[in-house]
Amino acid sequence: MPSENPPFSRLDRWLSEGTRDRKLIVVYGPTSSGKTDASLDIAEYVGGVIIGADSRQLYRDLVIGTGVIRPEEMRGVPHLLISFLSMSERYSAGRYRDDALYEIRHARQYEKIPILCGGTGLYIDSVVYDSSLPATPPNPEYRNTLETMRITEGNLALWYRLHALDPETARTIDPGSYPYVIRALELLEVYGISRRSLTRSQTPVYDTFFYTPYDGDREALYARIDRRVEAMMEEWLVDEIRTLLSVGHAPDAPGFDTIGYREILDALQGKCSLDNAKTLIQKKTRHYAKRQLTWFRRYPGVED
């Protein structure tokens, strides 16, 4: 369990060693673990800017269901790479890496320490370890085969196929996030590359300070997740989704492939009740947190 929250004494020692122009702070952890508050405290202490590392908080129209920080909560700290992507756009780890490296360079021009904050391990790895998925072109024929399988047999069938071939990678991907499952299968079966193995055993290219507010109490984490989902429902998540549909966003827009949004969409289409949707969101979010913890096990500081 972290003895200091945030660990300012460790930060002071780290800041006193080496030069500031190679320093990078990473605030990571599972969903609902307190990353936002921790990153704000650290940013105020060191004079930093926060660069989002959450694949769902990129979408500018998704607010309640992603828990993205709102302008009035930012304490004057600059926040970058959040709430900028259109609902119809897809985004990759390679594009994130390029965008994040640009923001890191820009922050250093103003003598600010960049702070990556988020729960998308693939994005964090792409920056910290100077890695991203290889520039392999899509294989349309293979993708069409997998898409046909998904339509006829369901998302889980794709995920189970990946799990049979590469269980370590599969455990880090939500079965409902089928574009990521398809890409992982494509890399594995067409190009012979395991996504999960790309950054294993590498060391950070920056002078990196890792911090997680997660204390290893999984039961407490799951309880916070359940309460957060309750709060989202009370905060008019259903109305947010109805509004997005009313202004012309298609139900199959990539932005809707987000835990919370897809389940409510199903309820609005009569596939389940709102109560059932809420229960499913809680369950899927807990499973997502478990996958995040699996990814983060090799980062320093996490306990599970």
Protein backbone atom coordinates (compact mmCIF):
# COMPACT_ATOMS: atom_id res chain seq x y z
CA MET A 1 0.00 0.00 0.00
CA PRO A 2 1.42 3.44 -0.86
CA SER A 3 2.80 5.02 2.30
CA GLU A 4 2.40 8.55 1.00
CA ASN A 5 -0.44 9.58 -1.24
CA PRO A 6 0.80 11.15 -3.48
CA PRO A 7 4.45 10.28 -2.69
CA PHE A 8 5.88 13.80 -2.48
CA SER A 9 9.06 12.80 -0.66
CA ARG A 10 9.91 10.29 -3.41
CA LEU A 11 9.05 12.91 -6.01
CA ASP A 12 11.46 15.37 -4.39
CA ARG A 13 14.31 12.87 -4.52
CA TRP A 14 13.51 11.98 -8.12
CA LEU A 15 13.33 15.65 -9.16
CA SER A 16 16.71 16.35 -7.57
CA GLU A 17 18.42 13.71 -9.67
CA GLY A 18 19.24 14.22 -13.33
CA THR A 19 17.86 16.85 -15.65
CA ARG A 20 14.22 17.87 -16.00
CA ASP A 21 14.23 17.60 -19.80
CA ARG A 22 14.16 13.77 -19.68
CA LYS A 23 11.65 13.40 -16.85
CA LEU A 24 8.19 11.91 -17.30
CA ILE A 25 5.59 11.05 -14.67
CA VAL A 26 3.09 8.24 -15.20
CA VAL A 27 -0.02 8.08 -13.02
CA TYR A 28 -1.69 4.77 -13.81
CA GLY A 29 -4.10 2.26 -12.36
CA PRO A 30 -7.44 0.56 -12.88
CA THR A 31 -10.64 2.49 -13.40
CA SER A 32 -12.05 4.17 -10.27
CA SER A 33 -8.73 3.99 -8.42
CA GLY A 34 -8.29 7.75 -7.97
CA LYS A 35 -5.94 8.62 -10.83
CA THR A 36 -7.54 11.98 -11.61
CA ASP A 37 -7.14 13.47 -8.12
CA ALA A 38 -3.64 12.02 -7.76
CA SER A 39 -2.51 13.50 -11.08
CA LEU A 40 -3.88 16.91 -10.14
CA ASP A 41 -2.08 16.87 -6.79
CA ILE A 42 1.18 15.87 -8.47
CA ALA A 43 0.79 18.40 -11.30
CA GLU A 44 0.28 21.24 -8.83
CA TYR A 45 3.29 20.09 -6.79
CA VAL A 46 5.81 19.73 -9.63
CA GLY A 47 4.48 22.26 -12.11
CA GLY A 48 3.20 19.85 -14.71
CA VAL A 49 0.73 19.34 -17.51
CA ILE A 50 -1.51 16.29 -17.70
CA ILE A 51 -1.64 14.23 -20.89
CA GLY A 52 -4.58 11.85 -21.00
CA ALA A 53 -3.85 8.16 -21.56
CA ASP A 54 -7.40 6.83 -21.67
CA SER A 55 -8.76 5.49 -24.94
CA ARG A 56 -12.37 6.38 -24.07
CA GLN A 57 -11.80 9.89 -22.72
CA LEU A 58 -10.52 10.94 -26.14
CA TYR A 59 -14.09 11.31 -27.42
CA ARG A 60 -15.35 14.85 -26.91
CA ASP A 61 -19.03 13.88 -26.70
CA LEU A 62 -18.61 11.16 -24.07
CA VAL A 63 -18.69 12.77 -20.63
CA ILE A 64 -20.75 10.99 -17.99
CA GLY A 65 -19.94 7.41 -18.93
CA THR A 66 -16.17 7.97 -19.27
CA GLY A 67 -15.71 10.00 -16.10
CA VAL A 68 -13.59 12.52 -18.00
CA ILE A 69 -12.52 15.52 -15.95
CA ARG A 70 -14.56 18.68 -16.55
CA PRO A 71 -13.08 22.16 -16.99
CA GLU A 72 -14.25 23.37 -13.59
CA GLU A 73 -12.43 20.45 -11.93
CA MET A 74 -9.01 21.01 -13.54
CA ARG A 75 -7.63 23.46 -10.90
CA GLY A 76 -6.04 25.45 -13.70
CA VAL A 77 -3.81 22.54 -14.73
CA PRO A 78 -3.57 22.11 -18.53
CA HIS A 79 -5.12 18.84 -19.74
CA LEU A 80 -4.18 17.52 -23.16
CA LEU A 81 -5.40 14.63 -25.34
CA ILE A 82 -8.85 14.47 -23.81
CA SER A 83 -12.25 15.26 -25.34
CA PHE A 84 -11.03 15.99 -28.87
CA LEU A 85 -12.01 13.01 -31.01
CA SER A 86 -15.18 12.73 -33.09
CA MET A 87 -17.59 9.89 -32.24
CA SER A 88 -17.09 8.50 -35.77
CA GLU A 89 -13.28 8.28 -35.57
CA ARG A 90 -11.11 5.36 -34.65
CA TYR A 91 -7.80 5.92 -32.93
CA SER A 92 -4.67 3.80 -32.65
CA ALA A 93 -1.79 3.40 -30.23
CA GLY A 94 0.54 4.59 -32.97
CA ARG A 95 -1.41 7.79 -33.44
CA TYR A 96 -1.58 8.26 -29.68
CA ARG A 97 2.18 7.87 -29.41
CA ASP A 98 2.78 10.55 -32.05
CA ASP A 99 0.29 12.95 -30.44
CA ALA A 100 1.62 12.36 -26.92
CA LEU A 101 5.26 12.84 -27.95
CA TYR A 102 4.30 16.14 -29.55
CA GLU A 103 2.62 17.29 -26.33
CA ILE A 104 5.61 16.15 -24.25
CA ARG A 105 8.00 18.20 -26.40
CA HIS A 106 5.65 21.19 -26.21
CA ALA A 107 5.40 20.94 -22.41
CA ARG A 108 9.17 20.94 -22.06
CA GLN A 109 9.45 24.10 -24.13
CA TYR A 110 7.53 25.78 -21.30
CA GLU A 111 9.59 23.99 -18.60
CA LYS A 112 6.60 21.90 -17.53
CA ILE A 113 6.89 18.26 -16.51
CA PRO A 114 4.62 16.01 -18.62
CA ILE A 115 2.35 13.66 -16.68
CA LEU A 116 0.70 10.75 -18.47
CA CYS A 117 -2.49 9.87 -16.63
CA GLY A 118 -4.81 7.04 -17.57
CA GLY A 119 -5.66 3.40 -17.59
CA THR A 120 -4.94 2.37 -21.18
CA GLY A 121 -1.72 0.42 -20.79
CA LEU A 122 -1.11 0.11 -24.53
CA TYR A 123 -1.06 3.90 -24.84
CA ILE A 124 1.27 4.33 -21.86
CA ASP A 125 3.64 1.67 -23.18
CA SER A 126 3.73 3.28 -26.62
CA VAL A 127 5.24 6.41 -25.05
CA VAL A 128 7.23 5.17 -22.06
CA TYR A 129 8.91 2.34 -23.96
CA ASP A 130 9.00 4.18 -27.30
CA SER A 131 6.97 1.42 -28.84
CA SER A 132 3.77 0.98 -30.73
CA LEU A 133 2.18 -1.68 -32.86
CA PRO A 134 4.27 -2.31 -35.96
CA ALA A 135 3.30 -0.54 -39.14
CA THR A 136 1.68 -3.59 -40.66
CA PRO A 137 -1.03 -2.86 -43.23
CA PRO A 138 -4.57 -4.10 -42.66
CA ASN A 139 -5.46 -7.35 -44.38
CA PRO A 140 -9.00 -6.73 -45.75
CA GLU A 141 -9.68 -10.35 -46.70
CA TYR A 142 -8.74 -11.65 -43.26
CA ARG A 143 -10.64 -8.86 -41.51
CA ASN A 144 -13.75 -9.63 -43.55
CA THR A 145 -13.49 -13.26 -42.47
CA LEU A 146 -13.33 -12.24 -38.81
CA GLU A 147 -16.15 -9.73 -39.22
CA THR A 148 -18.35 -12.44 -40.72
CA MET A 149 -17.50 -14.65 -37.75
CA ARG A 150 -18.38 -11.83 -35.37
CA ILE A 151 -21.74 -11.20 -37.01
CA THR A 152 -22.72 -14.87 -37.13
CA GLU A 153 -21.21 -16.10 -33.85
CA GLY A 154 -20.83 -12.97 -31.71
CA ASN A 155 -18.01 -10.92 -30.17
CA LEU A 156 -17.19 -13.62 -27.63
CA ALA A 157 -16.38 -16.11 -30.36
CA LEU A 158 -13.65 -13.80 -31.64
CA TRP A 159 -12.31 -13.24 -28.15
CA TYR A 160 -12.22 -16.97 -27.39
CA ARG A 161 -10.31 -17.53 -30.62
CA LEU A 162 -7.71 -14.97 -29.49
CA HIS A 163 -7.63 -16.46 -25.99
CA ALA A 164 -6.90 -19.92 -27.39
CA LEU A 165 -3.95 -18.54 -29.36
CA ASP A 166 -2.63 -15.81 -27.05
CA PRO A 167 -4.31 -15.82 -23.62
CA GLU A 168 -1.99 -13.14 -22.20
CA THR A 169 -3.07 -10.64 -24.85
CA ALA A 170 -6.72 -11.70 -24.65
CA ARG A 171 -6.84 -11.02 -20.91
CA THR A 172 -6.01 -7.36 -21.58
CA ILE A 173 -8.82 -6.76 -24.12
CA ASP A 174 -12.53 -6.35 -23.45
CA PRO A 175 -14.39 -8.97 -25.55
CA GLY A 176 -16.81 -6.22 -26.57
CA SER A 177 -13.98 -4.13 -28.05
CA TYR A 178 -14.00 -6.23 -31.18
CA PRO A 179 -11.84 -3.91 -33.36
CA TYR A 180 -8.98 -4.46 -30.88
CA VAL A 181 -9.63 -8.20 -30.84
CA ILE A 182 -9.62 -8.30 -34.64
CA ARG A 183 -6.38 -6.31 -34.81
CA ALA A 184 -4.72 -8.58 -32.25
CA LEU A 185 -5.79 -11.66 -34.22
CA GLU A 186 -4.60 -10.08 -37.46
CA LEU A 187 -1.17 -9.33 -36.00
CA LEU A 188 -0.92 -12.84 -34.60
CA GLU A 189 -2.28 -14.96 -37.43
CA VAL A 190 -1.20 -12.87 -40.44
CA TYR A 191 2.06 -11.38 -39.21
CA GLY A 192 3.06 -13.70 -36.36
CA ILE A 193 3.27 -10.88 -33.80
CA SER A 194 1.84 -11.07 -30.27
CA ARG A 195 0.66 -7.61 -29.26
CA ARG A 196 1.31 -8.24 -25.58
CA SER A 197 4.93 -9.25 -26.19
CA LEU A 198 5.92 -6.08 -28.00
CA THR A 199 7.05 -4.14 -24.94
CA ARG A 200 7.88 -6.96 -22.53
CA SER A 201 11.38 -6.68 -20.98
CA GLN A 202 11.94 -3.17 -22.28
CA THR A 203 13.08 -0.34 -20.06
CA PRO A 204 11.70 3.22 -20.12
CA VAL A 205 13.36 5.59 -22.54
CA TYR A 206 12.63 8.50 -20.20
CA ASP A 207 13.60 9.16 -16.61
CA THR A 208 10.16 7.91 -15.56
CA PHE A 209 8.42 8.21 -12.20
CA PHE A 210 5.60 5.67 -11.92
CA TYR A 211 2.79 6.15 -9.42
CA THR A 212 -0.51 4.37 -8.85
CA PRO A 213 -3.11 5.31 -6.24
CA TYR A 214 -4.39 1.72 -6.28
CA ASP A 215 -3.59 0.09 -2.92
CA GLY A 216 -4.21 -3.55 -3.79
CA ASP A 217 -7.66 -3.79 -2.16
CA ARG A 218 -9.64 -5.29 -4.99
CA GLU A 219 -12.89 -5.61 -3.04
CA ALA A 220 -12.80 -1.89 -2.22
CA LEU A 221 -12.04 -1.12 -5.87
CA TYR A 222 -15.01 -3.17 -7.06
CA ALA A 223 -17.25 -1.42 -4.53
CA ARG A 224 -16.13 1.98 -5.88
CA ILE A 225 -16.82 0.79 -9.42
CA ASP A 226 -20.35 -0.24 -8.49
CA ARG A 227 -20.98 3.11 -6.79
CA ARG A 228 -19.58 4.97 -9.76
CA VAL A 229 -21.95 3.19 -12.13
CA GLU A 230 -24.86 4.02 -9.81
CA ALA A 231 -23.77 7.67 -9.90
CA MET A 232 -23.51 7.62 -13.69
CA MET A 233 -27.08 6.39 -13.97
CA GLU A 234 -28.25 9.05 -11.53
CA GLU A 235 -26.31 11.68 -13.49
CA TRP A 236 -28.44 11.13 -16.57
CA LEU A 237 -26.19 8.84 -18.59
CA VAL A 238 -29.32 7.63 -20.39
CA ASP A 239 -30.23 11.20 -21.34
CA GLU A 240 -26.67 11.83 -22.56
CA ILE A 241 -26.95 8.88 -24.91
CA ARG A 242 -30.42 9.91 -26.09
CA THR A 243 -29.02 13.36 -26.88
CA LEU A 244 -26.11 11.92 -28.84
CA LEU A 245 -28.53 9.87 -30.93
CA SER A 246 -30.85 12.84 -31.46
CA VAL A 247 -28.08 14.97 -32.97
CA GLY A 248 -27.26 12.31 -35.53
CA HIS A 249 -24.59 10.03 -34.05
CA ALA A 250 -25.09 6.52 -35.41
CA PRO A 251 -25.53 3.69 -32.88
CA ASP A 252 -22.57 1.89 -34.49
CA ALA A 253 -20.22 4.88 -34.14
CA PRO A 254 -16.83 3.83 -32.68
CA GLY A 255 -17.34 6.15 -29.72
CA PHE A 256 -20.28 4.04 -28.59
CA ASP A 257 -17.99 1.00 -28.28
CA THR A 258 -17.45 2.02 -24.68
CA ILE A 259 -18.55 0.21 -21.55
CA GLY A 260 -21.69 1.94 -20.35
CA TYR A 261 -22.75 3.33 -23.69
CA ARG A 262 -23.22 0.09 -25.62
CA GLU A 263 -25.26 -1.47 -22.79
CA ILE A 264 -27.57 1.57 -22.52
CA LEU A 265 -27.99 1.59 -26.29
CA ASP A 266 -29.12 -2.02 -26.10
CA ALA A 267 -31.64 -1.07 -23.41
CA LEU A 268 -32.97 1.82 -25.48
CA GLN A 269 -33.39 -0.58 -28.40
CA GLY A 270 -35.45 -2.91 -26.20
CA LYS A 271 -32.85 -5.67 -25.93
CA CYS A 272 -32.77 -5.50 -22.13
CA SER A 273 -34.07 -3.37 -19.25
CA LEU A 274 -32.18 -0.40 -17.85
CA ASP A 275 -31.72 -2.25 -14.56
CA ASN A 276 -30.17 -5.17 -16.41
CA ALA A 277 -27.99 -2.75 -18.37
CA LYS A 278 -26.74 -1.19 -15.13
CA THR A 279 -25.87 -4.58 -13.67
CA LEU A 280 -24.04 -5.53 -16.86
CA ILE A 281 -22.10 -2.26 -16.87
CA GLN A 282 -20.94 -2.91 -13.32
CA LYS A 283 -19.90 -6.45 -14.19
CA LYS A 284 -18.06 -5.44 -17.37
CA THR A 285 -16.30 -2.57 -15.62
CA ARG A 286 -15.07 -4.89 -12.87
CA HIS A 287 -13.77 -7.27 -15.53
CA TYR A 288 -12.11 -4.35 -17.30
CA ALA A 289 -10.37 -3.34 -14.07
CA LYS A 290 -9.10 -6.89 -13.73
CA ARG A 291 -7.64 -6.75 -17.23
CA GLN A 292 -5.99 -3.41 -16.43
CA LEU A 293 -4.38 -4.92 -13.34
CA THR A 294 -3.07 -7.78 -15.46
CA TRP A 295 -1.44 -5.29 -17.81
CA PHE A 296 -0.01 -3.13 -15.03
CA ARG A 297 1.60 -5.95 -13.04
CA ARG A 298 5.00 -5.22 -14.50
CA TYR A 299 4.82 -1.52 -13.62
CA PRO A 300 6.50 -0.57 -10.34
CA GLY A 301 4.17 0.08 -7.41
CA VAL A 302 1.03 -1.86 -8.21
CA GLU A 303 -0.19 -4.37 -5.68
CA ASP A 304 -2.81 -7.04 -6.34
